[in-house]
Amino acid sequence: MGILTENKGSRRHRLKELSKLLADGERSPGWNLKDNVARAVKDGHTESEEFLSTLAAVIADEKPPACRS
């Protein structure tokens, strides 16, 4: 989740790119990102732990992406 180590403008752009990839069906099955989420939360990133955990689960193909309206 190196996206979180970038500045806010770049992070927003990267999250949009990641969102498109996930919407297109890209996944990394079996990736365990729990340690990355815990570290991001510990480091005080502004994204919520729930958001990061959900994002990690979608990337790992453990959860379907939420629909946005």
C-alpha atoms as a PDB file:
ATOM      1  CA  MET A   1       0.000   0.000   0.000  1.00  0.00           C
ATOM      2  CA  GLY A   2       2.726   2.388  -0.994  1.00  0.00           C
ATOM      3  CA  ILE A   3      -0.038   4.691  -2.168  1.00  0.00           C
ATOM      4  CA  LEU A   4      -0.300   5.943   1.395  1.00  0.00           C
ATOM      5  CA  THR A   5       3.305   7.130   1.545  1.00  0.00           C
ATOM      6  CA  GLU A   6       2.781   9.737  -1.176  1.00  0.00           C
ATOM      7  CA  ASN A   7       1.545  13.318  -0.837  1.00  0.00           C
ATOM      8  CA  LYS A   8      -2.239  13.860  -0.757  1.00  0.00           C
ATOM      9  CA  GLY A   9      -2.611  14.968  -4.398  1.00  0.00           C
ATOM     10  CA  SER A  10      -0.593  12.047  -5.688  1.00  0.00           C
ATOM     11  CA  ARG A  11      -2.372   9.675  -3.290  1.00  0.00           C
ATOM     12  CA  ARG A  12      -5.773  10.805  -4.585  1.00  0.00           C
ATOM     13  CA  HIS A  13      -4.616  10.189  -8.170  1.00  0.00           C
ATOM     14  CA  ARG A  14      -3.241   6.729  -7.293  1.00  0.00           C
ATOM     15  CA  LEU A  15      -6.439   5.762  -5.464  1.00  0.00           C
ATOM     16  CA  LYS A  16      -8.439   6.728  -8.558  1.00  0.00           C
ATOM     17  CA  GLU A  17      -6.158   4.546 -10.692  1.00  0.00           C
ATOM     18  CA  LEU A  18      -6.518   1.675  -8.219  1.00  0.00           C
ATOM     19  CA  SER A  19     -10.289   2.123  -8.172  1.00  0.00           C
ATOM     20  CA  LYS A  20     -10.398   1.801 -11.968  1.00  0.00           C
ATOM     21  CA  LEU A  21      -8.236  -1.327 -11.919  1.00  0.00           C
ATOM     22  CA  LEU A  22     -10.458  -2.921  -9.281  1.00  0.00           C
ATOM     23  CA  ALA A  23     -13.593  -1.936 -11.213  1.00  0.00           C
ATOM     24  CA  ASP A  24     -12.052  -3.623 -14.260  1.00  0.00           C
ATOM     25  CA  GLY A  25     -11.660  -6.826 -12.224  1.00  0.00           C
ATOM     26  CA  GLU A  26      -7.960  -6.696 -11.345  1.00  0.00           C
ATOM     27  CA  ARG A  27      -7.143  -8.554  -8.113  1.00  0.00           C
ATOM     28  CA  SER A  28      -4.189 -10.098  -6.278  1.00  0.00           C
ATOM     29  CA  PRO A  29      -5.753 -13.234  -4.782  1.00  0.00           C
ATOM     30  CA  GLY A  30      -4.199 -14.429  -1.572  1.00  0.00           C
ATOM     31  CA  TRP A  31      -2.297 -11.248  -0.779  1.00  0.00           C
ATOM     32  CA  ASN A  32      -2.359 -10.608   2.954  1.00  0.00           C
ATOM     33  CA  LEU A  33      -2.297  -6.846   3.461  1.00  0.00           C
ATOM     34  CA  LYS A  34      -3.335  -6.848   7.136  1.00  0.00           C
ATOM     35  CA  ASP A  35       0.135  -5.815   8.315  1.00  0.00           C
ATOM     36  CA  ASN A  36       0.145  -2.978   5.765  1.00  0.00           C
ATOM     37  CA  VAL A  37      -3.236  -1.761   7.035  1.00  0.00           C
ATOM     38  CA  ALA A  38      -2.091  -1.930  10.661  1.00  0.00           C
ATOM     39  CA  ARG A  39       1.072   0.019   9.822  1.00  0.00           C
ATOM     40  CA  ALA A  40      -0.848   2.697   7.905  1.00  0.00           C
ATOM     41  CA  VAL A  41      -3.229   3.163  10.836  1.00  0.00           C
ATOM     42  CA  LYS A  42      -0.312   3.249  13.298  1.00  0.00           C
ATOM     43  CA  ASP A  43       1.431   5.847  11.132  1.00  0.00           C
ATOM     44  CA  GLY A  44      -1.661   8.056  11.373  1.00  0.00           C
ATOM     45  CA  HIS A  45      -2.896   8.055   7.798  1.00  0.00           C
ATOM     46  CA  THR A  46      -6.210   9.874   7.482  1.00  0.00           C
ATOM     47  CA  GLU A  47      -8.013   7.004   5.766  1.00  0.00           C
ATOM     48  CA  SER A  48     -10.103   5.003   8.204  1.00  0.00           C
ATOM     49  CA  GLU A  49      -9.042   1.545   9.292  1.00  0.00           C
ATOM     50  CA  GLU A  50     -12.372   0.228   7.970  1.00  0.00           C
ATOM     51  CA  PHE A  51     -11.718   1.728   4.509  1.00  0.00           C
ATOM     52  CA  LEU A  52      -8.175   0.359   4.360  1.00  0.00           C
ATOM     53  CA  SER A  53      -9.264  -3.091   5.559  1.00  0.00           C
ATOM     54  CA  THR A  54     -12.038  -3.195   2.973  1.00  0.00           C
ATOM     55  CA  LEU A  55      -9.659  -2.047   0.232  1.00  0.00           C
ATOM     56  CA  ALA A  56      -7.165  -4.749   1.224  1.00  0.00           C
ATOM     57  CA  ALA A  57      -9.913  -7.404   1.150  1.00  0.00           C
ATOM     58  CA  VAL A  58     -11.025  -6.322  -2.336  1.00  0.00           C
ATOM     59  CA  ILE A  59      -7.436  -6.373  -3.617  1.00  0.00           C
ATOM     60  CA  ALA A  60      -6.964  -9.871  -2.169  1.00  0.00           C
ATOM     61  CA  ASP A  61     -10.235 -10.970  -3.820  1.00  0.00           C
ATOM     62  CA  GLU A  62     -11.791 -11.773  -0.438  1.00  0.00           C
ATOM     63  CA  LYS A  63     -14.621  -9.265  -0.820  1.00  0.00           C
ATOM     64  CA  PRO A  64     -16.471  -7.716  -3.766  1.00  0.00           C
ATOM     65  CA  PRO A  65     -15.996  -3.987  -4.335  1.00  0.00           C
ATOM     66  CA  ALA A  66     -18.740  -1.775  -2.963  1.00  0.00           C
ATOM     67  CA  CYS A  67     -20.919  -0.062  -5.531  1.00  0.00           C
ATOM     68  CA  ARG A  68     -20.666   3.721  -5.578  1.00  0.00           C
ATOM     69  CA  SER A  69     -23.468   5.924  -6.822  1.00  0.00           C
END
